[in-house]
Amino acid sequence: MINAVNLADVRAMRSYNLHKLEGNLKGKYSLYLGKENGFRLIIVPLNCEHEQWTEKDFDKICMNTQIVEIQEVSKHYE
């Protein structure tokens, strides 16, 4: 992940399974940090003004996001 230029690069790494969250976590995204350990990272992609995107197109968000806010690291199923 160190070599990722934008969030699209992270999305291309299928082992992280970057995906949108829904419900009370709408606007946030999740990355798996390892299938064996069950940890996930919840992030909010930020635009160049360090604000949450108002854009809804996931592809555009990924292509244009270079900054993320980490909101939570947790063991997903506990």
C-alpha atoms as a PDB file:
ATOM      1  CA  MET A   1       0.000   0.000   0.000  1.00  0.00           C
ATOM      2  CA  ILE A   2       3.026   2.289   0.386  1.00  0.00           C
ATOM      3  CA  ASN A   3       3.224   2.723  -3.403  1.00  0.00           C
ATOM      4  CA  ALA A   4      -0.426   3.709  -3.853  1.00  0.00           C
ATOM      5  CA  VAL A   5      -0.832   7.063  -5.603  1.00  0.00           C
ATOM      6  CA  ASN A   6      -4.554   7.239  -4.954  1.00  0.00           C
ATOM      7  CA  LEU A   7      -7.384   5.181  -3.548  1.00  0.00           C
ATOM      8  CA  ALA A   8      -7.882   3.501  -6.944  1.00  0.00           C
ATOM      9  CA  ASP A   9      -4.472   1.861  -6.487  1.00  0.00           C
ATOM     10  CA  VAL A  10      -5.616   0.445  -3.151  1.00  0.00           C
ATOM     11  CA  ARG A  11      -8.908  -0.665  -4.694  1.00  0.00           C
ATOM     12  CA  ALA A  12      -6.942  -2.589  -7.346  1.00  0.00           C
ATOM     13  CA  MET A  13      -5.313  -4.650  -4.569  1.00  0.00           C
ATOM     14  CA  ARG A  14      -8.167  -7.124  -4.228  1.00  0.00           C
ATOM     15  CA  SER A  15      -6.872  -8.598  -0.969  1.00  0.00           C
ATOM     16  CA  TYR A  16      -7.949  -5.381   0.809  1.00  0.00           C
ATOM     17  CA  ASN A  17     -11.529  -5.641  -0.536  1.00  0.00           C
ATOM     18  CA  LEU A  18     -12.114  -1.865  -0.482  1.00  0.00           C
ATOM     19  CA  HIS A  19     -15.867  -1.291  -0.441  1.00  0.00           C
ATOM     20  CA  LYS A  20     -18.532   1.254   0.483  1.00  0.00           C
ATOM     21  CA  LEU A  21     -20.314   0.893   3.780  1.00  0.00           C
ATOM     22  CA  GLU A  22     -24.035   1.436   4.209  1.00  0.00           C
ATOM     23  CA  GLY A  23     -26.544   2.347   6.884  1.00  0.00           C
ATOM     24  CA  ASN A  24     -25.131   4.395   9.757  1.00  0.00           C
ATOM     25  CA  LEU A  25     -21.659   4.087   8.148  1.00  0.00           C
ATOM     26  CA  LYS A  26     -22.726   5.551   4.780  1.00  0.00           C
ATOM     27  CA  GLY A  27     -19.958   7.712   3.287  1.00  0.00           C
ATOM     28  CA  LYS A  28     -17.292   5.531   4.856  1.00  0.00           C
ATOM     29  CA  TYR A  29     -15.313   2.704   3.319  1.00  0.00           C
ATOM     30  CA  SER A  30     -13.824  -0.500   4.655  1.00  0.00           C
ATOM     31  CA  LEU A  31     -10.560  -2.325   3.956  1.00  0.00           C
ATOM     32  CA  TYR A  32      -9.778  -5.794   5.230  1.00  0.00           C
ATOM     33  CA  LEU A  33      -6.386  -6.004   6.914  1.00  0.00           C
ATOM     34  CA  GLY A  34      -6.121  -9.765   6.739  1.00  0.00           C
ATOM     35  CA  LYS A  35      -8.577 -12.598   6.337  1.00  0.00           C
ATOM     36  CA  GLU A  36      -6.867 -14.671   9.012  1.00  0.00           C
ATOM     37  CA  ASN A  37      -6.979 -12.034  11.748  1.00  0.00           C
ATOM     38  CA  GLY A  38     -10.392 -10.506  10.915  1.00  0.00           C
ATOM     39  CA  PHE A  39      -9.309  -6.868  11.266  1.00  0.00           C
ATOM     40  CA  ARG A  40     -10.744  -4.099   9.152  1.00  0.00           C
ATOM     41  CA  LEU A  41      -9.945  -0.441   8.676  1.00  0.00           C
ATOM     42  CA  ILE A  42     -12.743   2.099   8.288  1.00  0.00           C
ATOM     43  CA  ILE A  43     -11.737   5.185   6.322  1.00  0.00           C
ATOM     44  CA  VAL A  44     -13.259   8.371   4.957  1.00  0.00           C
ATOM     45  CA  PRO A  45     -11.775   9.544   1.644  1.00  0.00           C
ATOM     46  CA  LEU A  46     -11.002  13.274   1.675  1.00  0.00           C
ATOM     47  CA  ASN A  47     -10.730  15.737  -1.190  1.00  0.00           C
ATOM     48  CA  CYS A  48      -7.822  18.161  -1.708  1.00  0.00           C
ATOM     49  CA  GLU A  49      -9.410  20.567   0.823  1.00  0.00           C
ATOM     50  CA  HIS A  50      -9.291  17.752   3.427  1.00  0.00           C
ATOM     51  CA  GLU A  51     -13.091  17.523   3.426  1.00  0.00           C
ATOM     52  CA  GLN A  52     -15.343  14.530   2.879  1.00  0.00           C
ATOM     53  CA  TRP A  53     -16.347  14.057  -0.763  1.00  0.00           C
ATOM     54  CA  THR A  54     -19.805  15.131  -1.886  1.00  0.00           C
ATOM     55  CA  GLU A  55     -19.239  13.167  -5.120  1.00  0.00           C
ATOM     56  CA  LYS A  56     -21.226   9.910  -5.214  1.00  0.00           C
ATOM     57  CA  ASP A  57     -19.376   8.097  -8.036  1.00  0.00           C
ATOM     58  CA  PHE A  58     -17.116   5.509  -6.364  1.00  0.00           C
ATOM     59  CA  ASP A  59     -14.734   5.397  -9.349  1.00  0.00           C
ATOM     60  CA  LYS A  60     -14.256   9.191  -9.343  1.00  0.00           C
ATOM     61  CA  ILE A  61     -13.719   9.217  -5.586  1.00  0.00           C
ATOM     62  CA  CYS A  62     -11.087   6.481  -5.854  1.00  0.00           C
ATOM     63  CA  MET A  63      -9.262   8.118  -8.774  1.00  0.00           C
ATOM     64  CA  ASN A  64      -9.099  11.512  -7.055  1.00  0.00           C
ATOM     65  CA  THR A  65      -8.463  10.587  -3.408  1.00  0.00           C
ATOM     66  CA  GLN A  66      -4.922  10.893  -2.103  1.00  0.00           C
ATOM     67  CA  ILE A  67      -5.869  11.547   1.527  1.00  0.00           C
ATOM     68  CA  VAL A  68      -7.936   9.354   3.842  1.00  0.00           C
ATOM     69  CA  GLU A  69      -9.035   9.792   7.429  1.00  0.00           C
ATOM     70  CA  ILE A  70      -8.760   6.612   9.466  1.00  0.00           C
ATOM     71  CA  GLN A  71     -11.825   6.357  11.675  1.00  0.00           C
ATOM     72  CA  GLU A  72     -11.532   2.895  13.147  1.00  0.00           C
ATOM     73  CA  VAL A  73      -9.441  -0.240  13.257  1.00  0.00           C
ATOM     74  CA  SER A  74     -11.407  -3.144  14.668  1.00  0.00           C
ATOM     75  CA  LYS A  75     -11.890  -6.854  14.719  1.00  0.00           C
ATOM     76  CA  HIS A  76     -14.948  -6.903  12.481  1.00  0.00           C
ATOM     77  CA  TYR A  77     -16.813  -9.912  13.842  1.00  0.00           C
ATOM     78  CA  GLU A  78     -16.299  -9.339  17.574  1.00  0.00           C
END
